[in-house]
Amino acid sequence: MVNLTKISSALERIGEVVGRRGVVEGAAAESFLRDERELYCGQAAAVVRPASTEECARVIRICGDAGIGVVPQGGNTGYCGGATPFDEVAQIVMNLSRMNRVRGVDPVNFAMTVEAGVVLAEVHAAAHEHDLMFPLSMGSQGSCQIGGVLSTNAGGISVVRYGTARDLVLGLEVILPTGEVLSELKGLRKDNTGYDLKGLFLGAEGTLGVITAAVLKLFPEPRSRQTALLGIATPQAACDLLGRARRWSADRVVSAEYLSGASLDLVTRLIEGARNPFEEPLEHFLLLELAGAETDPELRVVLEQILKEGIKTGEIVNGVLAESGPQRSALWELRESIPEAERRDGGSVKHDISVQISRIPEFVEEAGRVLHAIAPHRLSVFGHVGDGNLHYNVLPPMGEALEAFKEGPAEQMSNSLHELAVSLGGSFSAEHGVGVLKRDELQKYSSPAAVGLMRTLKDALDPNGIMNPGKVLG
């Protein structure tokens, strides 16, 4: 039973800990209660913004004593409702945006220590000051924060070369559900002393603790980049071309992004200033980018050799190469504008699937057949062919509202796509996480052993269930 007196007292103590600047009230709190896609409009007893690790720890101790749920939140850019609270009496939002210091950059160790509230674009800028690079990049990088990026194990456009978020972390500072501080910020690249504790919290979506700081891996800033948007014959051609590009370039491919013709049409129709560089209609495109330490002309020769072979084999049917920084940006803008174009079109039913790269063509072919048998629809398919992650988004027929489509065939379509991905050895959630949106899918598609182990960890670390209640495992 909820003890309202105890909760009220706890909220007063929390206010004393974080001060007036640390509590968001009234209309200003509303944006913290809605998710990025506005699928959920939540409720919370308070929105709290601690300014330090010690404040975070004290708040969580108070919440543990009073039985108050803690919903960690970064930039609130997630797609699955993982940072949305759902209890106006016994849950608080813990927003980490005030913890936004770069604690230090070690250019010799190629590492940077940052607090959870540092925006991803600011991480990029801090690394760039030392002629270094943090390679994780995505469309929301101007607003997403490192704590959320790590808690959801975000992917982005450079996974083919550098891996996902968990591959880019050397250490973490985490507040446990007890309020204890787990400080593992040594930044060592070799530390073979027992369990990899940081791995518990990367991708756990705040259900096991709150990430407050991290040591991130940095890399040399490439001296040159070469970018091409290619019209390709088939999805199979994209996979074959990617394999050759990795081999022939000594693995200097940093991004390989697939765009369907339908997705590109949405962008050029609905995004001001967007222009399709090809006159003839094409069904499939590959945005390919190489980066390296060579000069631009040297890397250009490597890319041109790859493309010549692709033309010879029939994989490439047309293409444009960026001749300048602005041209490169324009090509990337076509890719990055697809989600916004979908929104302006009225919205889509989003799917974030992954399969082995070699099975992408099979998935695309079978998915089209399966959906065609269910109901009329439109498709917007794009994503990271370099790591097997496709955003296979379904739009209602022209003239039909998204809500009506969701009440109709959309659920069956989503189930069919997830079933297909899993049947091909893939995943229903490649990079967007589980949150509240995909809890049922986690139970349905994960093995009993995996779910059982997750529950064991959750019960052991958070026996009172205060950390992000209702998310991931429910």
Protein backbone atom coordinates (compact mmCIF):
# COMPACT_ATOMS: atom_id res chain seq x y z
CA MET A 1 0.00 0.00 0.00
CA VAL A 2 1.26 3.48 -0.92
CA ASN A 3 2.17 5.57 2.11
CA LEU A 4 1.27 9.09 0.95
CA THR A 5 2.66 10.74 4.05
CA LYS A 6 6.00 9.01 3.62
CA ILE A 7 6.14 9.89 -0.08
CA SER A 8 5.27 13.53 0.60
CA SER A 9 8.04 13.75 3.16
CA ALA A 10 10.49 12.10 0.77
CA LEU A 11 9.65 14.56 -2.00
CA GLU A 12 10.33 17.45 0.37
CA ARG A 13 13.71 15.98 1.25
CA ILE A 14 14.52 15.48 -2.43
CA GLY A 15 13.74 19.15 -3.04
CA GLU A 16 16.15 20.09 -0.29
CA VAL A 17 18.88 17.93 -1.83
CA VAL A 18 18.67 19.33 -5.38
CA GLY A 19 17.57 22.88 -4.54
CA ARG A 20 15.15 25.09 -6.43
CA ARG A 21 17.02 24.74 -9.72
CA GLY A 22 16.80 20.99 -9.42
CA VAL A 23 13.00 20.70 -9.44
CA VAL A 24 10.89 21.38 -12.54
CA GLU A 25 7.30 22.34 -11.82
CA GLY A 26 4.08 23.27 -13.60
CA ALA A 27 3.89 23.63 -17.37
CA ALA A 28 7.69 23.45 -17.65
CA ALA A 29 7.54 19.81 -16.53
CA GLU A 30 5.25 18.67 -19.36
CA SER A 31 8.01 18.12 -21.93
CA PHE A 32 9.73 15.71 -19.51
CA LEU A 33 6.58 13.57 -19.35
CA ARG A 34 6.07 13.00 -23.09
CA ASP A 35 8.22 10.73 -25.21
CA GLU A 36 9.90 11.79 -28.46
CA ARG A 37 7.24 10.25 -30.72
CA GLU A 38 4.38 11.34 -28.44
CA LEU A 39 3.19 7.77 -28.13
CA TYR A 40 3.03 8.20 -24.36
CA CYS A 41 2.01 11.08 -22.14
CA GLY A 42 3.09 10.15 -18.64
CA GLN A 43 2.71 11.37 -15.09
CA ALA A 44 5.14 11.82 -12.23
CA ALA A 45 5.18 13.07 -8.68
CA ALA A 46 8.16 15.28 -9.54
CA VAL A 47 10.72 16.06 -12.20
CA VAL A 48 14.13 16.22 -10.52
CA ARG A 49 17.39 17.49 -12.06
CA PRO A 50 20.35 16.70 -9.80
CA ALA A 51 23.59 18.55 -10.47
CA SER A 52 26.13 16.03 -9.16
CA THR A 53 26.81 12.38 -8.50
CA GLU A 54 26.33 12.94 -4.78
CA GLU A 55 22.92 14.53 -5.34
CA CYS A 56 21.89 11.60 -7.55
CA ALA A 57 22.95 9.13 -4.88
CA ARG A 58 21.12 10.96 -2.11
CA VAL A 59 17.93 11.20 -4.17
CA ILE A 60 17.98 7.49 -4.96
CA ARG A 61 18.55 6.60 -1.31
CA ILE A 62 15.53 8.68 -0.35
CA CYS A 63 13.45 7.07 -3.10
CA GLY A 64 14.51 3.60 -1.99
CA ASP A 65 13.46 4.27 1.59
CA ALA A 66 10.07 5.65 0.50
CA GLY A 67 9.34 3.16 -2.28
CA ILE A 68 9.40 5.82 -5.00
CA GLY A 69 10.21 4.72 -8.54
CA VAL A 70 13.06 6.49 -10.35
CA VAL A 71 12.77 7.00 -14.11
CA PRO A 72 16.19 8.08 -15.45
CA GLN A 73 16.07 10.46 -18.39
CA GLY A 74 18.62 12.06 -20.68
CA GLY A 75 17.66 14.04 -23.78
CA ASN A 76 14.34 12.17 -23.95
CA THR A 77 14.88 11.26 -27.61
CA GLY A 78 14.10 7.53 -27.32
CA TYR A 79 11.55 5.78 -29.50
CA CYS A 80 10.17 3.19 -27.06
CA GLY A 81 8.93 5.13 -24.04
CA GLY A 82 11.85 4.03 -21.89
CA ALA A 83 12.23 7.44 -20.20
CA THR A 84 8.53 8.14 -19.60
CA PRO A 85 7.03 7.94 -16.06
CA PHE A 86 3.56 6.51 -15.46
CA ASP A 87 2.73 7.22 -11.82
CA GLU A 88 1.85 10.70 -10.55
CA VAL A 89 2.10 9.56 -6.94
CA ALA A 90 5.05 7.22 -6.59
CA GLN A 91 7.47 7.90 -9.48
CA ILE A 92 9.89 10.71 -10.23
CA VAL A 93 11.76 11.60 -13.38
CA MET A 94 15.49 11.92 -12.75
CA ASN A 95 16.71 14.07 -15.61
CA LEU A 96 20.51 14.21 -15.88
CA SER A 97 20.81 17.32 -18.08
CA ARG A 98 22.46 19.44 -15.35
CA MET A 99 25.28 16.91 -15.07
CA ASN A 100 26.91 18.16 -18.24
CA ARG A 101 30.63 18.52 -17.58
CA VAL A 102 33.44 17.09 -19.65
CA ARG A 103 35.60 15.98 -16.74
CA GLY A 104 38.69 15.48 -18.82
CA VAL A 105 40.26 14.43 -22.11
CA ASP A 106 43.33 12.19 -22.18
CA PRO A 107 44.73 12.41 -25.72
CA VAL A 108 47.52 9.95 -24.94
CA ASN A 109 45.07 7.31 -23.72
CA PHE A 110 42.61 8.27 -26.47
CA ALA A 111 39.87 8.63 -23.87
CA MET A 112 37.45 11.19 -22.49
CA THR A 113 35.54 11.26 -19.19
CA VAL A 114 32.12 12.89 -19.40
CA GLU A 115 29.05 13.21 -17.24
CA ALA A 116 25.77 11.64 -18.30
CA GLY A 117 24.10 14.90 -19.31
CA VAL A 118 26.67 15.90 -21.92
CA VAL A 119 24.98 16.14 -25.32
CA LEU A 120 26.49 13.84 -27.94
CA ALA A 121 27.34 16.73 -30.29
CA GLU A 122 29.28 18.36 -27.44
CA VAL A 123 31.26 15.15 -26.98
CA HIS A 124 32.17 15.35 -30.67
CA ALA A 125 33.26 18.97 -30.28
CA ALA A 126 35.38 18.27 -27.19
CA ALA A 127 37.16 15.40 -28.95
CA HIS A 128 37.71 17.53 -32.05
CA GLU A 129 39.61 20.12 -29.99
CA HIS A 130 42.29 17.46 -29.52
CA ASP A 131 42.25 16.31 -33.16
CA LEU A 132 40.37 13.22 -32.01
CA MET A 133 36.96 11.76 -32.72
CA PHE A 134 34.17 10.02 -30.83
CA PRO A 135 32.63 8.03 -33.67
CA LEU A 136 29.09 7.41 -32.43
CA SER A 137 26.84 9.54 -34.61
CA MET A 138 23.08 9.73 -35.21
CA GLY A 139 20.34 12.09 -36.25
CA SER A 140 19.50 13.12 -32.68
CA GLN A 141 23.09 13.97 -31.70
CA GLY A 142 22.22 17.62 -31.13
CA SER A 143 19.90 16.72 -28.25
CA CYS A 144 20.53 13.15 -27.05
CA GLN A 145 22.76 12.81 -23.99
CA ILE A 146 25.52 10.33 -23.27
CA GLY A 147 23.72 8.72 -20.34
CA GLY A 148 20.75 7.85 -22.52
CA VAL A 149 22.95 6.83 -25.43
CA LEU A 150 24.78 4.31 -23.24
CA SER A 151 21.67 3.14 -21.38
CA THR A 152 20.03 2.19 -24.68
CA ASN A 153 23.24 0.96 -26.33
CA ALA A 154 22.60 3.27 -29.26
CA GLY A 155 23.96 2.41 -32.70
CA GLY A 156 23.93 5.07 -35.38
CA ILE A 157 25.67 5.35 -38.72
CA SER A 158 29.22 4.19 -37.93
CA VAL A 159 28.65 0.80 -36.32
CA VAL A 160 30.19 -1.05 -39.27
CA ARG A 161 33.59 0.44 -38.35
CA TYR A 162 33.41 1.30 -34.65
CA GLY A 163 30.61 -0.74 -33.08
CA THR A 164 27.65 0.26 -30.92
CA ALA A 165 27.76 2.37 -27.77
CA ARG A 166 28.86 -0.52 -25.55
CA ASP A 167 31.92 -1.03 -27.73
CA LEU A 168 33.04 2.55 -27.08
CA VAL A 169 33.09 2.56 -23.27
CA LEU A 170 36.13 2.06 -21.05
CA GLY A 171 34.43 2.67 -17.72
CA LEU A 172 31.27 3.83 -15.96
CA GLU A 173 30.12 5.61 -12.84
CA VAL A 174 26.71 4.30 -11.77
CA ILE A 175 24.35 4.95 -8.89
CA LEU A 176 22.98 1.60 -7.71
CA PRO A 177 19.40 1.20 -6.42
CA THR A 178 20.80 1.30 -2.87
CA GLY A 179 22.26 4.73 -3.47
CA GLU A 180 25.79 3.36 -3.49
CA VAL A 181 28.16 4.78 -6.11
CA LEU A 182 29.88 2.25 -8.35
CA SER A 183 32.88 4.18 -9.65
CA GLU A 184 34.75 2.35 -12.40
CA LEU A 185 36.34 5.26 -14.25
CA LYS A 186 39.92 4.02 -14.48
CA GLY A 187 39.83 4.12 -18.26
CA LEU A 188 41.90 0.96 -18.62
CA ARG A 189 41.93 -0.92 -21.89
CA LYS A 190 43.02 -4.08 -20.11
CA ASP A 191 41.58 -4.94 -16.70
CA ASN A 192 40.97 -8.65 -16.27
CA THR A 193 39.72 -8.57 -12.66
CA GLY A 194 36.45 -10.44 -12.52
CA TYR A 195 33.08 -9.61 -14.03
CA ASP A 196 32.64 -6.86 -16.60
CA LEU A 197 30.38 -4.77 -14.37
CA LYS A 198 29.93 -1.93 -16.82
CA GLY A 199 28.34 -4.36 -19.25
CA LEU A 200 25.39 -4.80 -16.88
CA PHE A 201 24.29 -1.21 -17.32
CA LEU A 202 24.99 -0.65 -21.03
CA GLY A 203 21.66 -1.29 -22.73
CA ALA A 204 19.78 -1.87 -19.45
CA GLU A 205 17.71 1.31 -19.97
CA GLY A 206 18.10 2.48 -16.38
CA THR A 207 16.46 -0.61 -14.88
CA LEU A 208 19.54 -1.61 -12.86
CA GLY A 209 21.00 1.78 -11.93
CA VAL A 210 21.63 5.31 -13.16
CA ILE A 211 24.70 6.03 -15.29
CA THR A 212 26.16 9.34 -14.13
CA ALA A 213 29.52 9.39 -15.95
CA ALA A 214 31.53 7.39 -18.45
CA VAL A 215 35.00 7.03 -19.91
CA LEU A 216 34.65 6.97 -23.69
CA LYS A 217 37.05 5.65 -26.32
CA LEU A 218 38.38 8.20 -28.78
CA PHE A 219 39.95 7.67 -32.19
CA PRO A 220 42.17 9.63 -34.55
CA GLU A 221 40.28 12.18 -36.61
CA PRO A 222 40.34 10.96 -40.24
CA ARG A 223 42.31 13.17 -42.58
CA SER A 224 39.99 12.44 -45.46
CA ARG A 225 36.47 11.24 -46.23
CA GLN A 226 35.03 10.10 -49.52
CA THR A 227 31.28 9.80 -49.91
CA ALA A 228 29.11 8.45 -52.72
CA LEU A 229 25.38 7.99 -53.19
CA LEU A 230 24.90 5.02 -55.47
CA GLY A 231 21.90 3.75 -57.33
CA ILE A 232 22.14 -0.03 -56.94
CA ALA A 233 20.40 -2.89 -58.70
CA THR A 234 19.10 -4.83 -55.68
CA PRO A 235 19.53 -5.19 -51.90
CA GLN A 236 21.81 -8.14 -52.69
CA ALA A 237 23.97 -5.78 -54.74
CA ALA A 238 24.26 -3.49 -51.71
CA CYS A 239 25.52 -6.35 -49.54
CA ASP A 240 27.98 -7.58 -52.16
CA LEU A 241 29.27 -4.08 -52.82
CA LEU A 242 29.74 -3.47 -49.09
CA GLY A 243 31.79 -6.65 -48.74
CA ARG A 244 34.06 -5.68 -51.60
CA ALA A 245 34.44 -2.14 -50.28
CA ARG A 246 35.55 -3.41 -46.89
CA ARG A 247 38.09 -5.78 -48.42
CA TRP A 248 39.49 -3.46 -51.06
CA SER A 249 39.75 -0.47 -48.70
CA ALA A 250 41.37 -2.39 -45.83
CA ASP A 251 38.16 -1.86 -43.83
CA ARG A 252 38.02 1.90 -44.17
CA VAL A 253 34.23 1.86 -44.69
CA VAL A 254 32.70 3.91 -41.87
CA SER A 255 29.10 4.01 -43.12
CA ALA A 256 26.97 2.01 -45.52
CA GLU A 257 23.39 3.27 -45.46
CA TYR A 258 20.54 1.80 -47.50
CA LEU A 259 17.77 4.06 -48.82
CA SER A 260 14.75 2.78 -50.70
CA GLY A 261 13.46 4.77 -53.64
CA ALA A 262 10.22 5.33 -51.76
CA SER A 263 12.09 6.83 -48.80
CA LEU A 264 14.07 9.17 -51.03
CA ASP A 265 10.85 10.22 -52.80
CA LEU A 266 9.33 11.16 -49.42
CA VAL A 267 12.33 13.34 -48.62
CA THR A 268 12.43 15.17 -51.95
CA ARG A 269 8.66 15.72 -51.84
CA LEU A 270 8.35 16.92 -48.25
CA ILE A 271 11.71 18.38 -47.16
CA GLU A 272 12.42 21.87 -48.43
CA GLY A 273 15.63 22.10 -50.44
CA ALA A 274 16.10 18.32 -50.76
CA ARG A 275 16.99 17.27 -54.29
CA ASN A 276 17.30 13.83 -55.84
CA PRO A 277 20.63 13.86 -57.73
CA PHE A 278 19.36 11.24 -60.18
CA GLU A 279 17.00 11.99 -63.06
CA GLU A 280 15.75 8.43 -63.62
CA PRO A 281 13.64 6.65 -60.98
CA LEU A 282 15.58 4.03 -58.99
CA GLU A 283 14.38 1.57 -56.36
CA HIS A 284 17.51 1.11 -54.28
CA PHE A 285 20.34 3.33 -53.08
CA LEU A 286 23.49 2.91 -51.02
CA LEU A 287 25.18 5.82 -49.26
CA LEU A 288 28.79 4.69 -48.90
CA GLU A 289 31.47 6.56 -46.98
CA LEU A 290 35.15 5.76 -46.53
CA ALA A 291 37.47 7.54 -44.11
CA GLY A 292 41.19 7.22 -43.54
CA ALA A 293 44.55 8.80 -42.86
CA GLU A 294 45.40 9.27 -46.55
CA THR A 295 45.01 12.47 -48.48
CA ASP A 296 41.71 13.06 -50.24
CA PRO A 297 43.11 12.16 -53.68
CA GLU A 298 44.59 8.89 -52.38
CA LEU A 299 41.34 7.78 -50.75
CA ARG A 300 39.39 8.91 -53.81
CA VAL A 301 41.40 6.47 -55.92
CA VAL A 302 40.45 3.63 -53.55
CA LEU A 303 36.76 4.53 -53.76
CA GLU A 304 36.82 4.87 -57.53
CA GLN A 305 38.38 1.41 -57.89
CA ILE A 306 35.60 -0.05 -55.76
CA LEU A 307 32.92 1.72 -57.78
CA LYS A 308 34.42 0.73 -61.14
CA GLU A 309 34.21 -2.91 -60.15
CA GLY A 310 30.64 -2.41 -58.93
CA ILE A 311 29.66 -0.92 -62.30
CA LYS A 312 31.40 -3.77 -64.10
CA THR A 313 29.45 -6.41 -62.12
CA GLY A 314 26.14 -4.59 -62.57
CA GLU A 315 25.73 -3.85 -58.86
CA ILE A 316 25.88 -0.09 -59.46
CA VAL A 317 23.52 1.43 -62.03
CA ASN A 318 24.26 5.10 -61.31
CA GLY A 319 26.05 7.21 -58.76
CA VAL A 320 27.30 10.58 -57.59
CA LEU A 321 30.46 11.35 -55.62
CA ALA A 322 30.69 14.29 -53.25
CA GLU A 323 33.24 16.81 -54.50
CA SER A 324 33.19 19.03 -51.41
CA GLY A 325 32.10 19.22 -47.79
CA PRO A 326 28.77 20.87 -48.65
CA GLN A 327 28.04 18.19 -51.25
CA ARG A 328 28.79 15.48 -48.70
CA SER A 329 26.46 17.18 -46.23
CA ALA A 330 23.73 17.37 -48.86
CA LEU A 331 23.96 13.63 -49.52
CA TRP A 332 23.82 12.85 -45.81
CA GLU A 333 20.88 15.22 -45.40
CA LEU A 334 18.87 13.03 -47.78
CA ARG A 335 19.46 10.05 -45.51
CA GLU A 336 18.99 11.84 -42.20
CA SER A 337 15.77 13.57 -43.31
CA ILE A 338 13.80 10.37 -43.84
CA PRO A 339 12.27 10.22 -40.32
CA GLU A 340 11.17 13.85 -40.57
CA ALA A 341 9.71 13.24 -44.03
CA GLU A 342 7.73 10.30 -42.67
CA ARG A 343 6.41 12.51 -39.88
CA ARG A 344 5.34 15.21 -42.34
CA ASP A 345 3.61 12.60 -44.45
CA GLY A 346 1.45 11.70 -41.47
CA GLY A 347 3.63 9.21 -39.64
CA SER A 348 4.60 5.57 -39.94
CA VAL A 349 4.55 2.30 -38.05
CA LYS A 350 8.23 1.91 -37.23
CA HIS A 351 10.23 -1.32 -37.11
CA ASP A 352 13.83 -1.56 -35.96
CA ILE A 353 14.90 -5.04 -37.04
CA SER A 354 18.31 -6.59 -37.55
CA VAL A 355 19.49 -9.71 -39.32
CA GLN A 356 22.88 -10.89 -40.46
CA ILE A 357 24.02 -8.76 -43.39
CA SER A 358 23.94 -11.78 -45.67
CA ARG A 359 20.22 -12.27 -44.92
CA ILE A 360 19.09 -8.71 -45.64
CA PRO A 361 18.03 -9.53 -49.23
CA GLU A 362 16.01 -12.50 -48.00
CA PHE A 363 14.30 -10.40 -45.36
CA VAL A 364 13.43 -7.60 -47.79
CA GLU A 365 12.00 -9.98 -50.36
CA GLU A 366 9.98 -12.05 -47.90
CA ALA A 367 8.77 -9.01 -45.93
CA GLY A 368 7.36 -7.45 -49.08
CA ARG A 369 5.51 -10.64 -49.93
CA VAL A 370 4.12 -11.06 -46.41
CA LEU A 371 2.85 -7.49 -46.09
CA HIS A 372 1.33 -7.51 -49.58
CA ALA A 373 -0.83 -10.43 -48.51
CA ILE A 374 -2.14 -8.58 -45.44
CA ALA A 375 -3.37 -5.18 -46.67
CA PRO A 376 -2.56 -2.20 -48.91
CA HIS A 377 0.25 -0.04 -47.56
CA ARG A 378 3.30 2.01 -48.45
CA LEU A 379 6.87 1.38 -47.36
CA SER A 380 9.79 3.51 -46.25
CA VAL A 381 12.79 1.24 -45.84
CA PHE A 382 16.19 2.61 -44.88
CA GLY A 383 18.96 2.00 -42.41
CA HIS A 384 22.34 0.62 -41.61
CA VAL A 385 23.05 -2.14 -44.11
CA GLY A 386 26.62 -2.09 -42.81
CA ASP A 387 25.49 -3.76 -39.58
CA GLY A 388 22.29 -5.51 -40.68
CA ASN A 389 19.89 -2.99 -39.10
CA LEU A 390 16.93 -1.91 -41.24
CA HIS A 391 14.21 0.56 -40.33
CA TYR A 392 11.42 -1.19 -42.20
CA ASN A 393 8.67 1.36 -41.72
CA VAL A 394 5.10 0.91 -42.95
CA LEU A 395 2.91 3.84 -43.98
CA PRO A 396 -0.85 3.79 -44.60
CA PRO A 397 -2.13 4.09 -48.17
CA MET A 398 -2.36 7.64 -49.48
CA GLY A 399 -5.36 9.37 -47.98
CA GLU A 400 -5.69 7.04 -44.97
CA ALA A 401 -4.92 8.37 -41.50
CA LEU A 402 -2.21 6.66 -39.47
CA GLU A 403 -4.49 6.10 -36.46
CA ALA A 404 -7.03 4.24 -38.59
CA PHE A 405 -4.20 2.18 -40.08
CA LYS A 406 -2.94 1.32 -36.60
CA GLU A 407 -6.42 0.19 -35.57
CA GLY A 408 -6.59 -1.94 -38.70
CA PRO A 409 -3.82 -4.09 -40.21
CA ALA A 410 -0.76 -2.46 -38.62
CA GLU A 411 -0.52 -4.79 -35.62
CA GLN A 412 -0.63 -7.89 -37.81
CA MET A 413 2.01 -6.37 -40.07
CA SER A 414 4.30 -5.59 -37.15
CA ASN A 415 3.92 -9.08 -35.73
CA SER A 416 4.68 -10.59 -39.13
CA LEU A 417 7.82 -8.48 -39.58
CA HIS A 418 9.13 -9.33 -36.12
CA GLU A 419 8.36 -13.01 -36.64
CA LEU A 420 10.24 -12.93 -39.93
CA ALA A 421 13.29 -11.20 -38.48
CA VAL A 422 13.51 -13.67 -35.60
CA SER A 423 12.96 -16.66 -37.91
CA LEU A 424 16.01 -15.52 -39.88
CA GLY A 425 18.10 -15.43 -36.71
CA GLY A 426 17.61 -11.69 -36.20
CA SER A 427 16.19 -9.28 -33.65
CA PHE A 428 13.02 -7.22 -33.30
CA SER A 429 15.03 -4.37 -31.71
CA ALA A 430 18.38 -3.53 -33.21
CA GLU A 431 19.17 -0.14 -31.69
CA HIS A 432 16.03 1.50 -30.29
CA GLY A 433 15.79 -0.63 -27.16
CA VAL A 434 12.75 -2.15 -25.47
CA GLY A 435 11.35 0.45 -23.08
CA VAL A 436 7.63 -0.04 -22.56
CA LEU A 437 6.73 -0.32 -26.24
CA LYS A 438 8.41 -3.68 -26.86
CA ARG A 439 8.09 -5.45 -23.51
CA ASP A 440 5.76 -8.08 -24.93
CA GLU A 441 8.14 -8.76 -27.81
CA LEU A 442 11.01 -9.32 -25.38
CA GLN A 443 8.97 -11.94 -23.55
CA LYS A 444 7.81 -13.54 -26.80
CA TYR A 445 11.05 -13.74 -28.74
CA SER A 446 13.80 -14.04 -26.12
CA SER A 447 14.66 -17.45 -24.75
CA PRO A 448 13.34 -18.43 -21.30
CA ALA A 449 16.95 -18.75 -20.15
CA ALA A 450 17.75 -15.19 -21.26
CA VAL A 451 14.64 -13.65 -19.71
CA GLY A 452 15.17 -15.68 -16.54
CA LEU A 453 18.73 -14.43 -16.18
CA MET A 454 17.60 -10.85 -16.74
CA ARG A 455 15.01 -11.23 -13.97
CA THR A 456 17.62 -12.73 -11.65
CA LEU A 457 19.90 -9.73 -12.21
CA LYS A 458 17.03 -7.29 -11.76
CA ASP A 459 15.87 -8.93 -8.52
CA ALA A 460 19.41 -9.09 -7.16
CA LEU A 461 20.35 -5.48 -7.88
CA ASP A 462 16.95 -3.86 -7.47
CA PRO A 463 14.87 -6.05 -5.13
CA ASN A 464 12.43 -3.23 -4.39
CA GLY A 465 11.88 -2.52 -8.08
CA ILE A 466 12.46 1.23 -7.91
CA MET A 467 14.62 1.59 -11.03
CA ASN A 468 12.60 2.55 -14.10
CA PRO A 469 9.52 0.57 -13.11
CA GLY A 470 7.58 -1.15 -15.87
CA LYS A 471 10.33 -0.92 -18.48
CA VAL A 472 12.06 -3.75 -20.36
CA LEU A 473 10.93 -6.66 -18.14
CA GLY A 474 7.73 -5.00 -16.90
